[in-house]
Amino acid sequence: MRTVFVFPAGERAETVASLDRHLPEQRDPWTLDGNLYIGIDDEQNGHLFSDWDPEDVAILEAAIGHHPMRAVQIDISGRIDAPQRFTR
């Protein structure tokens, strides 16, 4: 499984409402076609950045201009092939 993080600019409630609108009748996690598992993680109540290298967090902060407090975390099933340029 691979993970992608998205750092929305709006409030958490806006993100939840958008996910609910696009993926109705499911939550925590929201799923898409049984291949994408989508949740919201934050530093206060979750595990966001707990396994990130501090250097990677600093790069992210520099890229977006602030330290994000939450992220949409998308876990991608191993059944979906990843392009080679996106694998480590």
PDB file of N, CA and C in Angstrom:
ATOM      1  N   MET A   1       0.857  -1.173   0.000  1.00  0.00           N
ATOM      2  CA  MET A   1       0.000   0.000   0.000  1.00  0.00           C
ATOM      3  C   MET A   1       0.897   1.227   0.000  1.00  0.00           C
ATOM      4  N   ARG A   2       0.490   2.217  -0.772  1.00  0.00           N
ATOM      5  CA  ARG A   2       1.187   3.495  -0.829  1.00  0.00           C
ATOM      6  C   ARG A   2       0.273   4.559  -0.241  1.00  0.00           C
ATOM      7  N   THR A   3       0.878   5.645   0.217  1.00  0.00           N
ATOM      8  CA  THR A   3       0.098   6.718   0.832  1.00  0.00           C
ATOM      9  C   THR A   3       0.429   8.042   0.167  1.00  0.00           C
ATOM     10  N   VAL A   4      -0.630   8.817  -0.074  1.00  0.00           N
ATOM     11  CA  VAL A   4      -0.513  10.177  -0.614  1.00  0.00           C
ATOM     12  C   VAL A   4      -1.146  11.113   0.397  1.00  0.00           C
ATOM     13  N   PHE A   5      -0.527  12.256   0.622  1.00  0.00           N
ATOM     14  CA  PHE A   5      -1.072  13.263   1.521  1.00  0.00           C
ATOM     15  C   PHE A   5      -1.491  14.490   0.716  1.00  0.00           C
ATOM     16  N   VAL A   6      -2.642  15.041   1.067  1.00  0.00           N
ATOM     17  CA  VAL A   6      -3.137  16.280   0.483  1.00  0.00           C
ATOM     18  C   VAL A   6      -3.371  17.234   1.650  1.00  0.00           C
ATOM     19  N   PHE A   7      -2.937  18.476   1.498  1.00  0.00           N
ATOM     20  CA  PHE A   7      -3.049  19.453   2.577  1.00  0.00           C
ATOM     21  C   PHE A   7      -4.020  20.555   2.165  1.00  0.00           C
ATOM     22  N   PRO A   8      -5.323  20.366   2.450  1.00  0.00           N
ATOM     23  CA  PRO A   8      -6.338  21.347   2.037  1.00  0.00           C
ATOM     24  C   PRO A   8      -6.157  22.686   2.742  1.00  0.00           C
ATOM     25  N   ALA A   9      -6.514  23.736   2.044  1.00  0.00           N
ATOM     26  CA  ALA A   9      -6.385  25.086   2.599  1.00  0.00           C
ATOM     27  C   ALA A   9      -7.516  25.420   3.566  1.00  0.00           C
ATOM     28  N   GLY A  10      -8.688  24.826   3.389  1.00  0.00           N
ATOM     29  CA  GLY A  10      -9.853  25.173   4.201  1.00  0.00           C
ATOM     30  C   GLY A  10      -9.866  24.505   5.562  1.00  0.00           C
ATOM     31  N   GLU A  11     -10.961  24.712   6.236  1.00  0.00           N
ATOM     32  CA  GLU A  11     -11.162  24.114   7.554  1.00  0.00           C
ATOM     33  C   GLU A  11     -11.495  22.631   7.428  1.00  0.00           C
ATOM     34  N   ARG A  12     -11.320  21.911   8.499  1.00  0.00           N
ATOM     35  CA  ARG A  12     -11.606  20.471   8.520  1.00  0.00           C
ATOM     36  C   ARG A  12     -13.049  20.188   8.099  1.00  0.00           C
ATOM     37  N   ALA A  13     -13.993  20.979   8.595  1.00  0.00           N
ATOM     38  CA  ALA A  13     -15.411  20.764   8.271  1.00  0.00           C
ATOM     39  C   ALA A  13     -15.660  20.878   6.772  1.00  0.00           C
ATOM     40  N   GLU A  14     -14.968  21.788   6.108  1.00  0.00           N
ATOM     41  CA  GLU A  14     -15.103  21.928   4.654  1.00  0.00           C
ATOM     42  C   GLU A  14     -14.587  20.683   3.933  1.00  0.00           C
ATOM     43  N   THR A  15     -13.492  20.150   4.423  1.00  0.00           N
ATOM     44  CA  THR A  15     -12.918  18.940   3.823  1.00  0.00           C
ATOM     45  C   THR A  15     -13.864  17.759   4.014  1.00  0.00           C
ATOM     46  N   VAL A  16     -14.395  17.605   5.213  1.00  0.00           N
ATOM     47  CA  VAL A  16     -15.345  16.520   5.490  1.00  0.00           C
ATOM     48  C   VAL A  16     -16.574  16.664   4.591  1.00  0.00           C
ATOM     49  N   ALA A  17     -17.096  17.876   4.478  1.00  0.00           N
ATOM     50  CA  ALA A  17     -18.282  18.102   3.641  1.00  0.00           C
ATOM     51  C   ALA A  17     -18.005  17.747   2.182  1.00  0.00           C
ATOM     52  N   SER A  18     -16.829  18.094   1.693  1.00  0.00           N
ATOM     53  CA  SER A  18     -16.480  17.773   0.317  1.00  0.00           C
ATOM     54  C   SER A  18     -16.366  16.264   0.111  1.00  0.00           C
ATOM     55  N   LEU A  19     -15.719  15.576   1.032  1.00  0.00           N
ATOM     56  CA  LEU A  19     -15.618  14.112   0.922  1.00  0.00           C
ATOM     57  C   LEU A  19     -16.996  13.466   1.014  1.00  0.00           C
ATOM     58  N   ASP A  20     -17.825  13.956   1.918  1.00  0.00           N
ATOM     59  CA  ASP A  20     -19.188  13.425   2.046  1.00  0.00           C
ATOM     60  C   ASP A  20     -19.991  13.633   0.759  1.00  0.00           C
ATOM     61  N   ARG A  21     -19.804  14.764   0.131  1.00  0.00           N
ATOM     62  CA  ARG A  21     -20.526  15.082  -1.095  1.00  0.00           C
ATOM     63  C   ARG A  21     -20.092  14.154  -2.244  1.00  0.00           C
ATOM     64  N   HIS A  22     -18.799  13.893  -2.336  1.00  0.00           N
ATOM     65  CA  HIS A  22     -18.275  13.089  -3.441  1.00  0.00           C
ATOM     66  C   HIS A  22     -18.319  11.585  -3.167  1.00  0.00           C
ATOM     67  N   LEU A  23     -18.297  11.211  -1.913  1.00  0.00           N
ATOM     68  CA  LEU A  23     -18.328   9.795  -1.527  1.00  0.00           C
ATOM     69  C   LEU A  23     -19.392   9.605  -0.451  1.00  0.00           C
ATOM     70  N   PRO A  24     -20.659   9.724  -0.826  1.00  0.00           N
ATOM     71  CA  PRO A  24     -21.742   9.701   0.161  1.00  0.00           C
ATOM     72  C   PRO A  24     -21.903   8.337   0.846  1.00  0.00           C
ATOM     73  N   GLU A  25     -22.549   8.399   1.998  1.00  0.00           N
ATOM     74  CA  GLU A  25     -22.923   7.223   2.779  1.00  0.00           C
ATOM     75  C   GLU A  25     -21.734   6.403   3.252  1.00  0.00           C
ATOM     76  N   GLN A  26     -20.616   7.052   3.472  1.00  0.00           N
ATOM     77  CA  GLN A  26     -19.455   6.383   4.050  1.00  0.00           C
ATOM     78  C   GLN A  26     -18.608   7.430   4.756  1.00  0.00           C
ATOM     79  N   ARG A  27     -17.849   6.999   5.687  1.00  0.00           N
ATOM     80  CA  ARG A  27     -16.960   7.927   6.374  1.00  0.00           C
ATOM     81  C   ARG A  27     -16.008   7.144   7.265  1.00  0.00           C
ATOM     82  N   ASP A  28     -14.812   7.629   7.272  1.00  0.00           N
ATOM     83  CA  ASP A  28     -13.785   7.159   8.195  1.00  0.00           C
ATOM     84  C   ASP A  28     -13.523   5.669   8.120  1.00  0.00           C
ATOM     85  N   PRO A  29     -12.991   5.142   7.060  1.00  0.00           N
ATOM     86  CA  PRO A  29     -12.525   5.910   5.916  1.00  0.00           C
ATOM     87  C   PRO A  29     -13.584   6.024   4.831  1.00  0.00           C
ATOM     88  N   TRP A  30     -13.404   7.029   4.008  1.00  0.00           N
ATOM     89  CA  TRP A  30     -14.146   7.105   2.762  1.00  0.00           C
ATOM     90  C   TRP A  30     -13.397   6.171   1.810  1.00  0.00           C
ATOM     91  N   THR A  31     -14.095   5.504   0.928  1.00  0.00           N
ATOM     92  CA  THR A  31     -13.405   4.610  -0.009  1.00  0.00           C
ATOM     93  C   THR A  31     -13.864   4.894  -1.433  1.00  0.00           C
ATOM     94  N   LEU A  32     -12.997   4.600  -2.363  1.00  0.00           N
ATOM     95  CA  LEU A  32     -13.315   4.768  -3.773  1.00  0.00           C
ATOM     96  C   LEU A  32     -12.934   3.484  -4.493  1.00  0.00           C
ATOM     97  N   ASP A  33     -13.921   2.810  -5.012  1.00  0.00           N
ATOM     98  CA  ASP A  33     -13.732   1.593  -5.793  1.00  0.00           C
ATOM     99  C   ASP A  33     -12.950   0.503  -5.061  1.00  0.00           C
ATOM    100  N   GLY A  34     -12.936   0.529  -3.753  1.00  0.00           N
ATOM    101  CA  GLY A  34     -12.216  -0.488  -2.992  1.00  0.00           C
ATOM    102  C   GLY A  34     -10.712  -0.424  -3.148  1.00  0.00           C
ATOM    103  N   ASN A  35     -10.214   0.638  -3.761  1.00  0.00           N
ATOM    104  CA  ASN A  35      -8.781   0.775  -3.995  1.00  0.00           C
ATOM    105  C   ASN A  35      -8.146   1.979  -3.309  1.00  0.00           C
ATOM    106  N   LEU A  36      -8.966   2.983  -2.994  1.00  0.00           N
ATOM    107  CA  LEU A  36      -8.477   4.173  -2.304  1.00  0.00           C
ATOM    108  C   LEU A  36      -9.196   4.275  -0.967  1.00  0.00           C
ATOM    109  N   TYR A  37      -8.435   4.445   0.084  1.00  0.00           N
ATOM    110  CA  TYR A  37      -8.987   4.583   1.432  1.00  0.00           C
ATOM    111  C   TYR A  37      -8.580   5.961   1.928  1.00  0.00           C
ATOM    112  N   ILE A  38      -9.568   6.809   2.189  1.00  0.00           N
ATOM    113  CA  ILE A  38      -9.321   8.223   2.433  1.00  0.00           C
ATOM    114  C   ILE A  38      -9.751   8.592   3.850  1.00  0.00           C
ATOM    115  N   GLY A  39      -8.866   9.232   4.573  1.00  0.00           N
ATOM    116  CA  GLY A  39      -9.170   9.689   5.921  1.00  0.00           C
ATOM    117  C   GLY A  39      -8.520  11.037   6.170  1.00  0.00           C
ATOM    118  N   ILE A  40      -8.861  11.640   7.293  1.00  0.00           N
ATOM    119  CA  ILE A  40      -8.259  12.915   7.680  1.00  0.00           C
ATOM    120  C   ILE A  40      -7.440  12.657   8.925  1.00  0.00           C
ATOM    121  N   ASP A  41      -6.196  13.087   8.896  1.00  0.00           N
ATOM    122  CA  ASP A  41      -5.302  12.902  10.036  1.00  0.00           C
ATOM    123  C   ASP A  41      -4.839  14.277  10.498  1.00  0.00           C
ATOM    124  N   ASP A  42      -4.620  14.412  11.784  1.00  0.00           N
ATOM    125  CA  ASP A  42      -4.100  15.671  12.310  1.00  0.00           C
ATOM    126  C   ASP A  42      -3.084  15.398  13.403  1.00  0.00           C
ATOM    127  N   GLU A  43      -2.341  16.422  13.739  1.00  0.00           N
ATOM    128  CA  GLU A  43      -1.301  16.277  14.768  1.00  0.00           C
ATOM    129  C   GLU A  43      -1.886  16.147  16.163  1.00  0.00           C
ATOM    130  N   GLN A  44      -2.946  16.887  16.447  1.00  0.00           N
ATOM    131  CA  GLN A  44      -3.505  16.892  17.798  1.00  0.00           C
ATOM    132  C   GLN A  44      -4.115  15.559  18.194  1.00  0.00           C
ATOM    133  N   ASN A  45      -4.935  14.994  17.321  1.00  0.00           N
ATOM    134  CA  ASN A  45      -5.674  13.787  17.678  1.00  0.00           C
ATOM    135  C   ASN A  45      -5.228  12.548  16.908  1.00  0.00           C
ATOM    136  N   GLY A  46      -4.320  12.699  15.996  1.00  0.00           N
ATOM    137  CA  GLY A  46      -3.922  11.587  15.143  1.00  0.00           C
ATOM    138  C   GLY A  46      -2.433  11.336  15.170  1.00  0.00           C
ATOM    139  N   HIS A  47      -1.938  10.926  14.029  1.00  0.00           N
ATOM    140  CA  HIS A  47      -0.533  10.534  13.936  1.00  0.00           C
ATOM    141  C   HIS A  47       0.216  11.280  12.834  1.00  0.00           C
ATOM    142  N   LEU A  48      -0.370  12.364  12.340  1.00  0.00           N
ATOM    143  CA  LEU A  48       0.244  13.113  11.258  1.00  0.00           C
ATOM    144  C   LEU A  48       1.671  13.505  11.617  1.00  0.00           C
ATOM    145  N   PHE A  49       2.589  13.213  10.744  1.00  0.00           N
ATOM    146  CA  PHE A  49       4.015  13.506  10.847  1.00  0.00           C
ATOM    147  C   PHE A  49       4.750  12.645  11.879  1.00  0.00           C
ATOM    148  N   SER A  50       4.077  11.704  12.532  1.00  0.00           N
ATOM    149  CA  SER A  50       4.749  10.915  13.568  1.00  0.00           C
ATOM    150  C   SER A  50       5.881  10.056  13.019  1.00  0.00           C
ATOM    151  N   ASP A  51       5.771   9.644  11.758  1.00  0.00           N
ATOM    152  CA  ASP A  51       6.850   8.830  11.187  1.00  0.00           C
ATOM    153  C   ASP A  51       7.581   9.546  10.049  1.00  0.00           C
ATOM    154  N   TRP A  52       7.427  10.872   9.977  1.00  0.00           N
ATOM    155  CA  TRP A  52       8.126  11.664   8.969  1.00  0.00           C
ATOM    156  C   TRP A  52       9.486  12.099   9.522  1.00  0.00           C
ATOM    157  N   ASP A  53      10.469  12.191   8.651  1.00  0.00           N
ATOM    158  CA  ASP A  53      11.747  12.782   9.038  1.00  0.00           C
ATOM    159  C   ASP A  53      11.545  14.285   9.204  1.00  0.00           C
ATOM    160  N   PRO A  54      12.151  14.897  10.214  1.00  0.00           N
ATOM    161  CA  PRO A  54      12.005  16.343  10.417  1.00  0.00           C
ATOM    162  C   PRO A  54      12.384  17.146   9.169  1.00  0.00           C
ATOM    163  N   GLU A  55      13.361  16.666   8.409  1.00  0.00           N
ATOM    164  CA  GLU A  55      13.760  17.367   7.189  1.00  0.00           C
ATOM    165  C   GLU A  55      12.623  17.396   6.172  1.00  0.00           C
ATOM    166  N   ASP A  56      11.868  16.296   6.076  1.00  0.00           N
ATOM    167  CA  ASP A  56      10.742  16.240   5.146  1.00  0.00           C
ATOM    168  C   ASP A  56       9.623  17.191   5.560  1.00  0.00           C
ATOM    169  N   VAL A  57       9.399  17.307   6.874  1.00  0.00           N
ATOM    170  CA  VAL A  57       8.390  18.247   7.371  1.00  0.00           C
ATOM    171  C   VAL A  57       8.828  19.673   7.047  1.00  0.00           C
ATOM    172  N   ALA A  58      10.108  19.965   7.218  1.00  0.00           N
ATOM    173  CA  ALA A  58      10.621  21.306   6.912  1.00  0.00           C
ATOM    174  C   ALA A  58      10.470  21.627   5.424  1.00  0.00           C
ATOM    175  N   ILE A  59      10.714  20.651   4.549  1.00  0.00           N
ATOM    176  CA  ILE A  59      10.541  20.852   3.103  1.00  0.00           C
ATOM    177  C   ILE A  59       9.080  21.158   2.790  1.00  0.00           C
ATOM    178  N   LEU A  60       8.169  20.405   3.404  1.00  0.00           N
ATOM    179  CA  LEU A  60       6.735  20.638   3.206  1.00  0.00           C
ATOM    180  C   LEU A  60       6.345  22.043   3.667  1.00  0.00           C
ATOM    181  N   GLU A  61       6.791  22.430   4.861  1.00  0.00           N
ATOM    182  CA  GLU A  61       6.477  23.762   5.384  1.00  0.00           C
ATOM    183  C   GLU A  61       6.967  24.853   4.440  1.00  0.00           C
ATOM    184  N   ALA A  62       8.159  24.690   3.906  1.00  0.00           N
ATOM    185  CA  ALA A  62       8.706  25.684   2.980  1.00  0.00           C
ATOM    186  C   ALA A  62       7.884  25.732   1.692  1.00  0.00           C
ATOM    187  N   ALA A  63       7.438  24.573   1.237  1.00  0.00           N
ATOM    188  CA  ALA A  63       6.682  24.507  -0.024  1.00  0.00           C
ATOM    189  C   ALA A  63       5.313  25.161   0.083  1.00  0.00           C
ATOM    190  N   ILE A  64       4.622  24.965   1.226  1.00  0.00           N
ATOM    191  CA  ILE A  64       3.269  25.513   1.327  1.00  0.00           C
ATOM    192  C   ILE A  64       3.192  26.789   2.170  1.00  0.00           C
ATOM    193  N   GLY A  65       4.293  27.164   2.797  1.00  0.00           N
ATOM    194  CA  GLY A  65       4.356  28.436   3.501  1.00  0.00           C
ATOM    195  C   GLY A  65       3.884  28.420   4.948  1.00  0.00           C
ATOM    196  N   HIS A  66       3.561  27.248   5.471  1.00  0.00           N
ATOM    197  CA  HIS A  66       3.190  27.140   6.886  1.00  0.00           C
ATOM    198  C   HIS A  66       3.222  25.669   7.298  1.00  0.00           C
ATOM    199  N   HIS A  67       3.099  25.440   8.590  1.00  0.00           N
ATOM    200  CA  HIS A  67       3.062  24.073   9.116  1.00  0.00           C
ATOM    201  C   HIS A  67       1.604  23.607   9.139  1.00  0.00           C
ATOM    202  N   PRO A  68       1.252  22.643   8.289  1.00  0.00           N
ATOM    203  CA  PRO A  68      -0.143  22.181   8.256  1.00  0.00           C
ATOM    204  C   PRO A  68      -0.488  21.379   9.510  1.00  0.00           C
ATOM    205  N   MET A  69      -1.690  21.580  10.004  1.00  0.00           N
ATOM    206  CA  MET A  69      -2.142  20.882  11.208  1.00  0.00           C
ATOM    207  C   MET A  69      -2.931  19.619  10.882  1.00  0.00           C
ATOM    208  N   ARG A  70      -3.358  19.478   9.618  1.00  0.00           N
ATOM    209  CA  ARG A  70      -4.117  18.292   9.229  1.00  0.00           C
ATOM    210  C   ARG A  70      -3.857  17.996   7.759  1.00  0.00           C
ATOM    211  N   ALA A  71      -4.181  16.748   7.398  1.00  0.00           N
ATOM    212  CA  ALA A  71      -4.004  16.318   6.017  1.00  0.00           C
ATOM    213  C   ALA A  71      -5.063  15.293   5.664  1.00  0.00           C
ATOM    214  N   VAL A  72      -5.400  15.244   4.397  1.00  0.00           N
ATOM    215  CA  VAL A  72      -6.194  14.140   3.872  1.00  0.00           C
ATOM    216  C   VAL A  72      -5.173  13.074   3.494  1.00  0.00           C
ATOM    217  N   GLN A  73      -5.333  11.901   4.075  1.00  0.00           N
ATOM    218  CA  GLN A  73      -4.420  10.800   3.809  1.00  0.00           C
ATOM    219  C   GLN A  73      -5.140   9.801   2.917  1.00  0.00           C
ATOM    220  N   ILE A  74      -4.534   9.489   1.781  1.00  0.00           N
ATOM    221  CA  ILE A  74      -5.123   8.562   0.824  1.00  0.00           C
ATOM    222  C   ILE A  74      -4.207   7.350   0.717  1.00  0.00           C
ATOM    223  N   ASP A  75      -4.697   6.215   1.183  1.00  0.00           N
ATOM    224  CA  ASP A  75      -3.958   4.969   1.067  1.00  0.00           C
ATOM    225  C   ASP A  75      -4.398   4.281  -0.212  1.00  0.00           C
ATOM    226  N   ILE A  76      -3.441   3.902  -1.024  1.00  0.00           N
ATOM    227  CA  ILE A  76      -3.713   3.323  -2.335  1.00  0.00           C
ATOM    228  C   ILE A  76      -3.387   1.844  -2.296  1.00  0.00           C
ATOM    229  N   SER A  77      -4.360   1.029  -2.677  1.00  0.00           N
ATOM    230  CA  SER A  77      -4.201  -0.417  -2.676  1.00  0.00           C
ATOM    231  C   SER A  77      -3.020  -0.837  -3.539  1.00  0.00           C
ATOM    232  N   GLY A  78      -2.353  -1.879  -3.114  1.00  0.00           N
ATOM    233  CA  GLY A  78      -1.261  -2.442  -3.899  1.00  0.00           C
ATOM    234  C   GLY A  78      -1.727  -3.071  -5.194  1.00  0.00           C
ATOM    235  N   ARG A  79      -3.042  -3.221  -5.342  1.00  0.00           N
ATOM    236  CA  ARG A  79      -3.577  -3.782  -6.589  1.00  0.00           C
ATOM    237  C   ARG A  79      -3.480  -2.793  -7.739  1.00  0.00           C
ATOM    238  N   ILE A  80      -3.226  -1.526  -7.430  1.00  0.00           N
ATOM    239  CA  ILE A  80      -3.081  -0.503  -8.464  1.00  0.00           C
ATOM    240  C   ILE A  80      -1.592  -0.323  -8.717  1.00  0.00           C
ATOM    241  N   ASP A  81      -1.165  -0.538  -9.957  1.00  0.00           N
ATOM    242  CA  ASP A  81       0.241  -0.362 -10.296  1.00  0.00           C
ATOM    243  C   ASP A  81       0.613   1.110 -10.204  1.00  0.00           C
ATOM    244  N   ALA A  82       1.776   1.375  -9.620  1.00  0.00           N
ATOM    245  CA  ALA A  82       2.287   2.743  -9.520  1.00  0.00           C
ATOM    246  C   ALA A  82       3.286   2.977 -10.642  1.00  0.00           C
ATOM    247  N   PRO A  83       3.221   4.149 -11.260  1.00  0.00           N
ATOM    248  CA  PRO A  83       4.260   4.484 -12.235  1.00  0.00           C
ATOM    249  C   PRO A  83       5.613   4.454 -11.540  1.00  0.00           C
ATOM    250  N   GLN A  84       6.627   4.001 -12.196  1.00  0.00           N
ATOM    251  CA  GLN A  84       7.964   3.864 -11.599  1.00  0.00           C
ATOM    252  C   GLN A  84       8.497   5.171 -11.027  1.00  0.00           C
ATOM    253  N   ARG A  85       8.145   6.286 -11.631  1.00  0.00           N
ATOM    254  CA  ARG A  85       8.686   7.557 -11.144  1.00  0.00           C
ATOM    255  C   ARG A  85       8.137   7.939  -9.774  1.00  0.00           C
ATOM    256  N   PHE A  86       7.042   7.297  -9.332  1.00  0.00           N
ATOM    257  CA  PHE A  86       6.447   7.633  -8.045  1.00  0.00           C
ATOM    258  C   PHE A  86       6.762   6.630  -6.950  1.00  0.00           C
ATOM    259  N   THR A  87       7.568   5.648  -7.227  1.00  0.00           N
ATOM    260  CA  THR A  87       7.911   4.663  -6.206  1.00  0.00           C
ATOM    261  C   THR A  87       9.310   4.934  -5.688  1.00  0.00           C
ATOM    262  N   ARG A  88       9.514   4.577  -4.456  1.00  0.00           N
ATOM    263  CA  ARG A  88      10.855   4.740  -3.860  1.00  0.00           C
ATOM    264  C   ARG A  88      11.504   3.399  -3.731  1.00  0.00           C
TER     265      ARG A  88
END
